[in-house]
Amino acid sequence: MNVRRVQSVSAVPVGWTVYTVAMAMICLALTFPYDSLHAMFLLRLSERTGLDIHAERWSLQLPAVLEWMHPSILAPGFARLDAEQIQIEVKLASVLRGQPVILWSGRVGGREGSNGRLKGELTLASLSGNGPAQALGSVDQIDLSQVAPAVIKKGWLRGRFERRWADFAEAGRISLAEGTWHVELTGLVMEPWPIGPHGLSSLTLSSLSGRLECHSGTCLLESLRGESQDGLFSGEGELVLQEPLSMSQLTVTLSVIMTEELKERLHLTRLGPTTPGLSQKITLSGPLSNLQMRDHAAL
């Protein structure tokens, strides 16, 4: 018996089988409806996060990396954010455990040529997306003139956040509904702001920082602190979220050390002469679109 001939003959069907499977996989890879899958992914992501996301171009990198080029992101109550590039990666080991972890990172181009950065991760309790979820992330050097309401003319944002969902499948569109946000703004320049009957003239702050702790649609505003050449302030308060975001109700009490010039611009001359180093109290309250200012001397 010729052993070599038997091995050669038996190898023929095995070779054809491998060739057939390989060609089938290649054809599947070439004809797979990636565009439809990507469109469905964007739709589901928008539904679950409350963000409207559009990508000019996208590419898929094996084994599990999705890259968007020049995507735009719109969050309720904010202007559209145009990014340079965002990369999303799924940790394959987490998928095998049944609790997917999705990483994201990206660059945001500022109007003055600087590059803002964002990164974070989303952890799901199941492959279906049902059940609790948590997102951790940070942003750095984001140009506020691109994303903030028109009242903010200039400024830079950095911060970190933790966002939580009791059931990711039923996530709402209010982006601050459950979580913690630490925010720091620098070089903030604000246009005249309609606060109270007189309005607020333009305002420049060298720094503004604070912390939001949100639960069940109510956010506690803590460690609020701001500083400018006209004075400094600190305070705390509460924000009750509504849709649209501009109708959310804010109540915050501030302790302000200010110059006489700033007092006149705020129409608070009734507070009396300013004592250097001593603070005076002011309360802001009402919907974000129509805040009212009250000085405690009027009580």
C-alpha atoms as a PDB file:
ATOM      1  CA  MET A   1       0.000   0.000   0.000  1.00  0.00           C
ATOM      2  CA  ASN A   2       1.262   3.439  -0.979  1.00  0.00           C
ATOM      3  CA  VAL A   3       0.866   5.588   2.155  1.00  0.00           C
ATOM      4  CA  ARG A   4       2.055   8.734   0.397  1.00  0.00           C
ATOM      5  CA  ARG A   5      -0.658   8.369  -2.292  1.00  0.00           C
ATOM      6  CA  VAL A   6      -3.399   7.863   0.315  1.00  0.00           C
ATOM      7  CA  GLN A   7      -2.307  11.032   2.157  1.00  0.00           C
ATOM      8  CA  SER A   8      -2.235  12.968  -1.123  1.00  0.00           C
ATOM      9  CA  VAL A   9      -5.731  11.834  -2.108  1.00  0.00           C
ATOM     10  CA  SER A  10      -7.205  12.575   1.357  1.00  0.00           C
ATOM     11  CA  ALA A  11      -5.687  16.051   1.337  1.00  0.00           C
ATOM     12  CA  VAL A  12      -7.664  17.044  -1.762  1.00  0.00           C
ATOM     13  CA  PRO A  13     -11.130  17.350  -0.124  1.00  0.00           C
ATOM     14  CA  VAL A  14      -9.596  19.014   2.924  1.00  0.00           C
ATOM     15  CA  GLY A  15      -7.906  21.612   0.722  1.00  0.00           C
ATOM     16  CA  TRP A  16     -11.118  22.307  -1.187  1.00  0.00           C
ATOM     17  CA  THR A  17     -13.013  22.654   2.086  1.00  0.00           C
ATOM     18  CA  VAL A  18     -10.526  25.206   3.434  1.00  0.00           C
ATOM     19  CA  TYR A  19     -10.575  27.072   0.110  1.00  0.00           C
ATOM     20  CA  THR A  20     -14.398  27.152   0.033  1.00  0.00           C
ATOM     21  CA  VAL A  21     -14.667  28.417   3.623  1.00  0.00           C
ATOM     22  CA  ALA A  22     -11.994  31.075   2.991  1.00  0.00           C
ATOM     23  CA  MET A  23     -13.739  32.321  -0.163  1.00  0.00           C
ATOM     24  CA  ALA A  24     -17.077  32.391   1.628  1.00  0.00           C
ATOM     25  CA  MET A  25     -15.582  34.494   4.438  1.00  0.00           C
ATOM     26  CA  ILE A  26     -13.961  36.872   1.940  1.00  0.00           C
ATOM     27  CA  CYS A  27     -17.230  37.287   0.031  1.00  0.00           C
ATOM     28  CA  LEU A  28     -19.087  37.855   3.283  1.00  0.00           C
ATOM     29  CA  ALA A  29     -16.550  40.477   4.367  1.00  0.00           C
ATOM     30  CA  LEU A  30     -16.777  42.249   0.988  1.00  0.00           C
ATOM     31  CA  THR A  31     -20.574  42.221   0.775  1.00  0.00           C
ATOM     32  CA  PHE A  32     -21.431  42.742   4.452  1.00  0.00           C
ATOM     33  CA  PRO A  33     -23.711  45.800   4.886  1.00  0.00           C
ATOM     34  CA  TYR A  34     -21.299  47.804   7.046  1.00  0.00           C
ATOM     35  CA  ASP A  35     -23.013  51.122   6.252  1.00  0.00           C
ATOM     36  CA  SER A  36     -26.377  49.839   7.448  1.00  0.00           C
ATOM     37  CA  LEU A  37     -24.786  48.415  10.593  1.00  0.00           C
ATOM     38  CA  HIS A  38     -22.994  51.712  11.270  1.00  0.00           C
ATOM     39  CA  ALA A  39     -26.227  53.706  10.775  1.00  0.00           C
ATOM     40  CA  MET A  40     -28.022  51.409  13.230  1.00  0.00           C
ATOM     41  CA  PHE A  41     -25.161  51.767  15.725  1.00  0.00           C
ATOM     42  CA  LEU A  42     -25.390  55.596  15.565  1.00  0.00           C
ATOM     43  CA  LEU A  43     -29.174  55.442  16.005  1.00  0.00           C
ATOM     44  CA  ARG A  44     -28.959  53.209  19.068  1.00  0.00           C
ATOM     45  CA  LEU A  45     -26.139  55.281  20.553  1.00  0.00           C
ATOM     46  CA  SER A  46     -28.177  58.473  20.146  1.00  0.00           C
ATOM     47  CA  GLU A  47     -31.234  56.855  21.743  1.00  0.00           C
ATOM     48  CA  ARG A  48     -29.302  55.603  24.765  1.00  0.00           C
ATOM     49  CA  THR A  49     -27.106  58.651  25.457  1.00  0.00           C
ATOM     50  CA  GLY A  50     -29.351  61.549  24.396  1.00  0.00           C
ATOM     51  CA  LEU A  51     -26.667  62.756  21.961  1.00  0.00           C
ATOM     52  CA  ASP A  52     -27.243  63.302  18.253  1.00  0.00           C
ATOM     53  CA  ILE A  53     -24.131  62.008  16.496  1.00  0.00           C
ATOM     54  CA  HIS A  54     -23.260  62.295  12.800  1.00  0.00           C
ATOM     55  CA  ALA A  55     -20.021  61.219  11.121  1.00  0.00           C
ATOM     56  CA  GLU A  56     -18.739  62.558   7.801  1.00  0.00           C
ATOM     57  CA  ARG A  57     -16.472  59.546   7.262  1.00  0.00           C
ATOM     58  CA  TRP A  58     -15.849  56.405   9.253  1.00  0.00           C
ATOM     59  CA  SER A  59     -13.604  53.360   9.100  1.00  0.00           C
ATOM     60  CA  LEU A  60     -13.443  49.977  10.807  1.00  0.00           C
ATOM     61  CA  GLN A  61     -10.147  48.655  12.103  1.00  0.00           C
ATOM     62  CA  LEU A  62      -9.787  45.039  13.156  1.00  0.00           C
ATOM     63  CA  PRO A  63     -10.405  43.556  15.561  1.00  0.00           C
ATOM     64  CA  ALA A  64     -12.913  45.990  17.130  1.00  0.00           C
ATOM     65  CA  VAL A  65     -12.033  49.671  16.568  1.00  0.00           C
ATOM     66  CA  LEU A  66     -14.351  52.213  14.960  1.00  0.00           C
ATOM     67  CA  GLU A  67     -12.941  55.588  13.903  1.00  0.00           C
ATOM     68  CA  TRP A  68     -15.013  58.642  13.002  1.00  0.00           C
ATOM     69  CA  MET A  69     -13.467  61.475  11.023  1.00  0.00           C
ATOM     70  CA  HIS A  70     -14.961  64.964  11.486  1.00  0.00           C
ATOM     71  CA  PRO A  71     -18.003  63.830  13.490  1.00  0.00           C
ATOM     72  CA  SER A  72     -20.507  66.297  14.939  1.00  0.00           C
ATOM     73  CA  ILE A  73     -22.131  65.823  18.349  1.00  0.00           C
ATOM     74  CA  LEU A  74     -25.217  67.686  19.558  1.00  0.00           C
ATOM     75  CA  ALA A  75     -26.282  67.566  23.205  1.00  0.00           C
ATOM     76  CA  PRO A  76     -29.639  69.013  24.316  1.00  0.00           C
ATOM     77  CA  GLY A  77     -29.262  72.694  25.270  1.00  0.00           C
ATOM     78  CA  PHE A  78     -25.814  73.102  23.675  1.00  0.00           C
ATOM     79  CA  ALA A  79     -24.431  74.105  20.311  1.00  0.00           C
ATOM     80  CA  ARG A  80     -23.108  71.456  17.945  1.00  0.00           C
ATOM     81  CA  LEU A  81     -19.594  70.188  18.687  1.00  0.00           C
ATOM     82  CA  ASP A  82     -17.493  69.537  15.589  1.00  0.00           C
ATOM     83  CA  ALA A  83     -14.648  67.150  16.384  1.00  0.00           C
ATOM     84  CA  GLU A  84     -11.593  66.266  14.332  1.00  0.00           C
ATOM     85  CA  GLN A  85     -11.535  62.581  15.135  1.00  0.00           C
ATOM     86  CA  ILE A  86     -13.119  60.146  17.595  1.00  0.00           C
ATOM     87  CA  GLN A  87     -12.047  56.537  18.069  1.00  0.00           C
ATOM     88  CA  ILE A  88     -14.213  53.889  19.722  1.00  0.00           C
ATOM     89  CA  GLU A  89     -12.808  50.540  20.812  1.00  0.00           C
ATOM     90  CA  VAL A  90     -14.588  47.524  22.257  1.00  0.00           C
ATOM     91  CA  LYS A  91     -12.534  45.442  24.695  1.00  0.00           C
ATOM     92  CA  LEU A  92     -12.918  41.910  23.361  1.00  0.00           C
ATOM     93  CA  ALA A  93     -12.093  40.306  26.727  1.00  0.00           C
ATOM     94  CA  SER A  94     -15.007  42.207  28.306  1.00  0.00           C
ATOM     95  CA  VAL A  95     -17.360  40.936  25.583  1.00  0.00           C
ATOM     96  CA  LEU A  96     -16.371  37.347  26.407  1.00  0.00           C
ATOM     97  CA  ARG A  97     -17.256  38.061  30.059  1.00  0.00           C
ATOM     98  CA  GLY A  98     -20.667  39.319  28.961  1.00  0.00           C
ATOM     99  CA  GLN A  99     -20.073  42.841  30.302  1.00  0.00           C
ATOM    100  CA  PRO A 100     -18.830  44.978  27.380  1.00  0.00           C
ATOM    101  CA  VAL A 101     -16.457  47.866  28.011  1.00  0.00           C
ATOM    102  CA  ILE A 102     -16.345  50.530  25.295  1.00  0.00           C
ATOM    103  CA  LEU A 103     -13.466  53.036  25.230  1.00  0.00           C
ATOM    104  CA  TRP A 104     -13.531  56.359  23.404  1.00  0.00           C
ATOM    105  CA  SER A 105     -10.995  59.103  22.765  1.00  0.00           C
ATOM    106  CA  GLY A 106     -10.833  62.039  20.404  1.00  0.00           C
ATOM    107  CA  ARG A 107      -9.625  65.488  19.452  1.00  0.00           C
ATOM    108  CA  VAL A 108     -11.656  68.669  19.120  1.00  0.00           C
ATOM    109  CA  GLY A 109     -10.272  71.569  17.085  1.00  0.00           C
ATOM    110  CA  GLY A 110     -10.543  75.007  18.673  1.00  0.00           C
ATOM    111  CA  ARG A 111     -11.092  78.211  16.724  1.00  0.00           C
ATOM    112  CA  GLU A 112      -7.682  79.464  17.793  1.00  0.00           C
ATOM    113  CA  GLY A 113      -5.899  76.335  16.633  1.00  0.00           C
ATOM    114  CA  SER A 114      -5.732  74.504  19.965  1.00  0.00           C
ATOM    115  CA  ASN A 115      -6.764  70.874  20.245  1.00  0.00           C
ATOM    116  CA  GLY A 116      -9.279  69.886  22.885  1.00  0.00           C
ATOM    117  CA  ARG A 117      -9.221  66.296  24.088  1.00  0.00           C
ATOM    118  CA  LEU A 118     -11.867  63.915  25.330  1.00  0.00           C
ATOM    119  CA  LYS A 119     -11.672  60.326  26.555  1.00  0.00           C
ATOM    120  CA  GLY A 120     -13.630  57.865  28.635  1.00  0.00           C
ATOM    121  CA  GLU A 121     -15.177  54.446  28.941  1.00  0.00           C
ATOM    122  CA  LEU A 122     -18.663  52.958  29.100  1.00  0.00           C
ATOM    123  CA  THR A 123     -19.299  49.725  31.025  1.00  0.00           C
ATOM    124  CA  LEU A 124     -22.484  47.736  30.326  1.00  0.00           C
ATOM    125  CA  ALA A 125     -23.997  45.030  32.504  1.00  0.00           C
ATOM    126  CA  SER A 126     -24.949  42.789  29.551  1.00  0.00           C
ATOM    127  CA  LEU A 127     -24.384  42.257  25.835  1.00  0.00           C
ATOM    128  CA  SER A 128     -27.966  43.349  25.121  1.00  0.00           C
ATOM    129  CA  GLY A 129     -27.444  46.723  26.803  1.00  0.00           C
ATOM    130  CA  ASN A 130     -30.157  46.023  29.366  1.00  0.00           C
ATOM    131  CA  GLY A 131     -29.493  46.679  33.029  1.00  0.00           C
ATOM    132  CA  PRO A 132     -27.221  49.183  34.804  1.00  0.00           C
ATOM    133  CA  ALA A 133     -24.377  51.007  33.082  1.00  0.00           C
ATOM    134  CA  GLN A 134     -21.684  53.498  33.998  1.00  0.00           C
ATOM    135  CA  ALA A 135     -19.628  55.973  31.988  1.00  0.00           C
ATOM    136  CA  LEU A 136     -16.425  57.620  33.217  1.00  0.00           C
ATOM    137  CA  GLY A 137     -14.720  60.330  31.216  1.00  0.00           C
ATOM    138  CA  SER A 138     -12.839  63.587  31.022  1.00  0.00           C
ATOM    139  CA  VAL A 139     -12.520  66.597  28.732  1.00  0.00           C
ATOM    140  CA  ASP A 140      -9.655  69.063  28.477  1.00  0.00           C
ATOM    141  CA  GLN A 141      -9.125  72.395  26.709  1.00  0.00           C
ATOM    142  CA  ILE A 142     -12.559  72.455  25.026  1.00  0.00           C
ATOM    143  CA  ASP A 143     -13.355  75.767  23.308  1.00  0.00           C
ATOM    144  CA  LEU A 144     -16.630  76.924  24.887  1.00  0.00           C
ATOM    145  CA  SER A 145     -17.333  79.369  22.067  1.00  0.00           C
ATOM    146  CA  GLN A 146     -18.057  76.301  19.916  1.00  0.00           C
ATOM    147  CA  VAL A 147     -20.392  74.380  22.195  1.00  0.00           C
ATOM    148  CA  ALA A 148     -21.890  76.707  24.826  1.00  0.00           C
ATOM    149  CA  PRO A 149     -24.962  78.944  24.487  1.00  0.00           C
ATOM    150  CA  ALA A 150     -24.498  82.239  22.651  1.00  0.00           C
ATOM    151  CA  VAL A 151     -24.195  84.156  25.940  1.00  0.00           C
ATOM    152  CA  ILE A 152     -20.650  82.719  26.321  1.00  0.00           C
ATOM    153  CA  LYS A 153     -18.315  84.490  23.923  1.00  0.00           C
ATOM    154  CA  LYS A 154     -15.059  82.839  24.968  1.00  0.00           C
ATOM    155  CA  GLY A 155     -13.701  80.346  27.461  1.00  0.00           C
ATOM    156  CA  TRP A 156     -12.044  76.998  27.968  1.00  0.00           C
ATOM    157  CA  LEU A 157     -13.473  73.907  29.643  1.00  0.00           C
ATOM    158  CA  ARG A 158     -11.844  71.039  31.460  1.00  0.00           C
ATOM    159  CA  GLY A 159     -13.495  68.512  33.720  1.00  0.00           C
ATOM    160  CA  ARG A 160     -14.328  64.937  34.534  1.00  0.00           C
ATOM    161  CA  PHE A 161     -17.587  63.106  34.995  1.00  0.00           C
ATOM    162  CA  GLU A 162     -19.293  59.909  36.102  1.00  0.00           C
ATOM    163  CA  ARG A 163     -22.629  59.150  34.436  1.00  0.00           C
ATOM    164  CA  ARG A 164     -24.886  56.354  35.726  1.00  0.00           C
ATOM    165  CA  TRP A 165     -27.933  54.555  34.342  1.00  0.00           C
ATOM    166  CA  ALA A 166     -30.198  52.236  36.362  1.00  0.00           C
ATOM    167  CA  ASP A 167     -31.246  50.642  33.051  1.00  0.00           C
ATOM    168  CA  PHE A 168     -29.286  51.636  29.961  1.00  0.00           C
ATOM    169  CA  ALA A 169     -32.069  50.348  27.702  1.00  0.00           C
ATOM    170  CA  GLU A 170     -34.383  53.043  29.089  1.00  0.00           C
ATOM    171  CA  ALA A 171     -31.883  55.913  29.099  1.00  0.00           C
ATOM    172  CA  GLY A 172     -33.499  59.329  28.710  1.00  0.00           C
ATOM    173  CA  ARG A 173     -32.334  62.374  26.796  1.00  0.00           C
ATOM    174  CA  ILE A 174     -31.536  64.570  29.818  1.00  0.00           C
ATOM    175  CA  SER A 175     -27.769  64.167  29.886  1.00  0.00           C
ATOM    176  CA  LEU A 176     -27.319  65.239  33.540  1.00  0.00           C
ATOM    177  CA  ALA A 177     -30.042  63.050  35.014  1.00  0.00           C
ATOM    178  CA  GLU A 178     -27.823  60.789  37.139  1.00  0.00           C
ATOM    179  CA  GLY A 179     -24.151  61.325  37.858  1.00  0.00           C
ATOM    180  CA  THR A 180     -21.361  63.583  39.083  1.00  0.00           C
ATOM    181  CA  TRP A 181     -19.629  66.367  37.160  1.00  0.00           C
ATOM    182  CA  HIS A 182     -16.510  68.331  38.142  1.00  0.00           C
ATOM    183  CA  VAL A 183     -16.106  71.406  35.935  1.00  0.00           C
ATOM    184  CA  GLU A 184     -13.429  74.103  35.620  1.00  0.00           C
ATOM    185  CA  LEU A 185     -13.693  77.054  33.228  1.00  0.00           C
ATOM    186  CA  THR A 186     -10.913  79.524  32.477  1.00  0.00           C
ATOM    187  CA  GLY A 187     -10.717  82.755  30.474  1.00  0.00           C
ATOM    188  CA  LEU A 188     -14.518  83.065  30.498  1.00  0.00           C
ATOM    189  CA  VAL A 189     -16.014  86.042  28.642  1.00  0.00           C
ATOM    190  CA  MET A 190     -19.792  86.430  28.744  1.00  0.00           C
ATOM    191  CA  GLU A 191     -22.047  88.639  26.640  1.00  0.00           C
ATOM    192  CA  PRO A 192     -24.740  90.779  28.338  1.00  0.00           C
ATOM    193  CA  TRP A 193     -27.027  88.349  30.155  1.00  0.00           C
ATOM    194  CA  PRO A 194     -30.772  88.905  30.752  1.00  0.00           C
ATOM    195  CA  ILE A 195     -30.842  88.517  34.546  1.00  0.00           C
ATOM    196  CA  GLY A 196     -33.532  90.478  36.337  1.00  0.00           C
ATOM    197  CA  PRO A 197     -35.201  93.670  35.082  1.00  0.00           C
ATOM    198  CA  HIS A 198     -31.914  95.425  34.263  1.00  0.00           C
ATOM    199  CA  GLY A 199     -29.910  92.574  32.786  1.00  0.00           C
ATOM    200  CA  LEU A 200     -26.246  91.879  33.370  1.00  0.00           C
ATOM    201  CA  SER A 201     -23.546  93.631  31.403  1.00  0.00           C
ATOM    202  CA  SER A 202     -20.674  91.684  29.847  1.00  0.00           C
ATOM    203  CA  LEU A 203     -18.600  89.824  32.415  1.00  0.00           C
ATOM    204  CA  THR A 204     -15.076  88.369  32.376  1.00  0.00           C
ATOM    205  CA  LEU A 205     -13.979  85.624  34.789  1.00  0.00           C
ATOM    206  CA  SER A 206     -10.433  84.351  35.015  1.00  0.00           C
ATOM    207  CA  SER A 207     -11.734  81.118  36.559  1.00  0.00           C
ATOM    208  CA  LEU A 208     -15.013  79.412  37.432  1.00  0.00           C
ATOM    209  CA  SER A 209     -15.306  75.951  38.976  1.00  0.00           C
ATOM    210  CA  GLY A 210     -17.895  73.771  40.644  1.00  0.00           C
ATOM    211  CA  ARG A 211     -19.318  70.288  41.198  1.00  0.00           C
ATOM    212  CA  LEU A 212     -22.738  68.906  40.220  1.00  0.00           C
ATOM    213  CA  GLU A 213     -24.155  65.867  42.017  1.00  0.00           C
ATOM    214  CA  CYS A 214     -27.315  64.750  40.188  1.00  0.00           C
ATOM    215  CA  HIS A 215     -29.933  62.239  41.278  1.00  0.00           C
ATOM    216  CA  SER A 216     -33.516  61.694  40.066  1.00  0.00           C
ATOM    217  CA  GLY A 217     -33.526  64.866  37.985  1.00  0.00           C
ATOM    218  CA  THR A 218     -32.201  67.196  40.707  1.00  0.00           C
ATOM    219  CA  CYS A 219     -28.599  68.422  40.823  1.00  0.00           C
ATOM    220  CA  LEU A 220     -26.867  69.840  43.885  1.00  0.00           C
ATOM    221  CA  LEU A 221     -24.404  72.577  42.927  1.00  0.00           C
ATOM    222  CA  GLU A 222     -21.454  72.468  45.306  1.00  0.00           C
ATOM    223  CA  SER A 223     -18.037  74.122  45.706  1.00  0.00           C
ATOM    224  CA  LEU A 224     -18.960  76.867  43.242  1.00  0.00           C
ATOM    225  CA  ARG A 225     -16.169  79.431  43.023  1.00  0.00           C
ATOM    226  CA  GLY A 226     -15.364  82.227  40.582  1.00  0.00           C
ATOM    227  CA  GLU A 227     -12.747  84.937  40.315  1.00  0.00           C
ATOM    228  CA  SER A 228     -12.266  88.063  38.212  1.00  0.00           C
ATOM    229  CA  GLN A 229     -10.458  91.377  38.442  1.00  0.00           C
ATOM    230  CA  ASP A 230     -13.657  92.891  39.908  1.00  0.00           C
ATOM    231  CA  GLY A 231     -13.949  90.412  42.744  1.00  0.00           C
ATOM    232  CA  LEU A 232     -14.589  86.802  43.661  1.00  0.00           C
ATOM    233  CA  PHE A 233     -17.535  84.698  44.765  1.00  0.00           C
ATOM    234  CA  SER A 234     -18.452  81.303  46.160  1.00  0.00           C
ATOM    235  CA  GLY A 235     -21.742  79.542  46.662  1.00  0.00           C
ATOM    236  CA  GLU A 236     -23.998  76.514  46.404  1.00  0.00           C
ATOM    237  CA  GLY A 237     -27.466  75.753  45.158  1.00  0.00           C
ATOM    238  CA  GLU A 238     -29.812  73.405  43.335  1.00  0.00           C
ATOM    239  CA  LEU A 239     -30.753  72.764  39.711  1.00  0.00           C
ATOM    240  CA  VAL A 240     -34.016  70.950  38.893  1.00  0.00           C
ATOM    241  CA  LEU A 241     -33.745  69.556  35.370  1.00  0.00           C
ATOM    242  CA  GLN A 242     -36.452  70.133  32.779  1.00  0.00           C
ATOM    243  CA  GLU A 243     -36.755  69.662  29.028  1.00  0.00           C
ATOM    244  CA  PRO A 244     -35.704  71.729  27.222  1.00  0.00           C
ATOM    245  CA  LEU A 245     -32.633  72.410  29.366  1.00  0.00           C
ATOM    246  CA  SER A 246     -33.219  76.180  29.222  1.00  0.00           C
ATOM    247  CA  MET A 247     -36.365  75.696  31.347  1.00  0.00           C
ATOM    248  CA  SER A 248     -34.488  73.973  34.182  1.00  0.00           C
ATOM    249  CA  GLN A 249     -34.980  75.732  37.518  1.00  0.00           C
ATOM    250  CA  LEU A 250     -31.882  77.094  39.266  1.00  0.00           C
ATOM    251  CA  THR A 251     -31.577  78.414  42.807  1.00  0.00           C
ATOM    252  CA  VAL A 252     -28.113  79.435  43.970  1.00  0.00           C
ATOM    253  CA  THR A 253     -26.909  81.665  46.820  1.00  0.00           C
ATOM    254  CA  LEU A 254     -23.597  83.463  46.341  1.00  0.00           C
ATOM    255  CA  SER A 255     -21.229  85.163  48.749  1.00  0.00           C
ATOM    256  CA  VAL A 256     -19.608  87.929  46.711  1.00  0.00           C
ATOM    257  CA  ILE A 257     -16.641  90.199  47.378  1.00  0.00           C
ATOM    258  CA  MET A 258     -16.841  92.888  44.700  1.00  0.00           C
ATOM    259  CA  THR A 259     -15.652  96.311  43.670  1.00  0.00           C
ATOM    260  CA  GLU A 260     -17.966  99.321  43.554  1.00  0.00           C
ATOM    261  CA  GLU A 261     -17.732  99.227  39.756  1.00  0.00           C
ATOM    262  CA  LEU A 262     -19.045  95.674  39.625  1.00  0.00           C
ATOM    263  CA  LYS A 263     -21.800  96.527  42.078  1.00  0.00           C
ATOM    264  CA  GLU A 264     -23.027  99.273  39.753  1.00  0.00           C
ATOM    265  CA  ARG A 265     -22.923  96.953  36.734  1.00  0.00           C
ATOM    266  CA  LEU A 266     -25.000  94.424  38.689  1.00  0.00           C
ATOM    267  CA  HIS A 267     -27.442  97.166  39.772  1.00  0.00           C
ATOM    268  CA  LEU A 268     -26.822  96.338  43.451  1.00  0.00           C
ATOM    269  CA  THR A 269     -26.078  99.788  44.822  1.00  0.00           C
ATOM    270  CA  ARG A 270     -28.712  99.230  47.502  1.00  0.00           C
ATOM    271  CA  LEU A 271     -26.226  96.917  49.234  1.00  0.00           C
ATOM    272  CA  GLY A 272     -24.431 100.010  50.461  1.00  0.00           C
ATOM    273  CA  PRO A 273     -20.701 100.772  50.387  1.00  0.00           C
ATOM    274  CA  THR A 274     -18.373  97.844  49.873  1.00  0.00           C
ATOM    275  CA  THR A 275     -16.152  96.901  52.804  1.00  0.00           C
ATOM    276  CA  PRO A 276     -12.819  95.554  51.539  1.00  0.00           C
ATOM    277  CA  GLY A 277     -12.526  91.821  52.242  1.00  0.00           C
ATOM    278  CA  LEU A 278     -16.147  91.372  53.396  1.00  0.00           C
ATOM    279  CA  SER A 279     -18.678  89.409  51.328  1.00  0.00           C
ATOM    280  CA  GLN A 280     -22.268  90.255  50.494  1.00  0.00           C
ATOM    281  CA  LYS A 281     -25.001  87.741  49.614  1.00  0.00           C
ATOM    282  CA  ILE A 282     -26.892  87.462  46.310  1.00  0.00           C
ATOM    283  CA  THR A 283     -29.448  84.864  45.198  1.00  0.00           C
ATOM    284  CA  LEU A 284     -30.085  83.799  41.612  1.00  0.00           C
ATOM    285  CA  SER A 285     -33.299  81.897  40.946  1.00  0.00           C
ATOM    286  CA  GLY A 286     -35.689  80.929  38.173  1.00  0.00           C
ATOM    287  CA  PRO A 287     -35.430  79.123  34.826  1.00  0.00           C
ATOM    288  CA  LEU A 288     -32.028  79.230  33.135  1.00  0.00           C
ATOM    289  CA  SER A 289     -33.551  81.256  30.290  1.00  0.00           C
ATOM    290  CA  ASN A 290     -34.858  83.963  32.641  1.00  0.00           C
ATOM    291  CA  LEU A 291     -32.913  84.105  35.895  1.00  0.00           C
ATOM    292  CA  GLN A 292     -33.795  86.700  38.519  1.00  0.00           C
ATOM    293  CA  MET A 293     -31.219  88.274  40.849  1.00  0.00           C
ATOM    294  CA  ARG A 294     -32.079  89.276  44.415  1.00  0.00           C
ATOM    295  CA  ASP A 295     -29.777  90.918  46.915  1.00  0.00           C
ATOM    296  CA  HIS A 296     -30.327  90.084  50.573  1.00  0.00           C
ATOM    297  CA  ALA A 297     -30.475  93.747  51.542  1.00  0.00           C
ATOM    298  CA  ALA A 298     -33.912  93.853  49.907  1.00  0.00           C
ATOM    299  CA  LEU A 299     -35.343  91.158  52.230  1.00  0.00           C
END
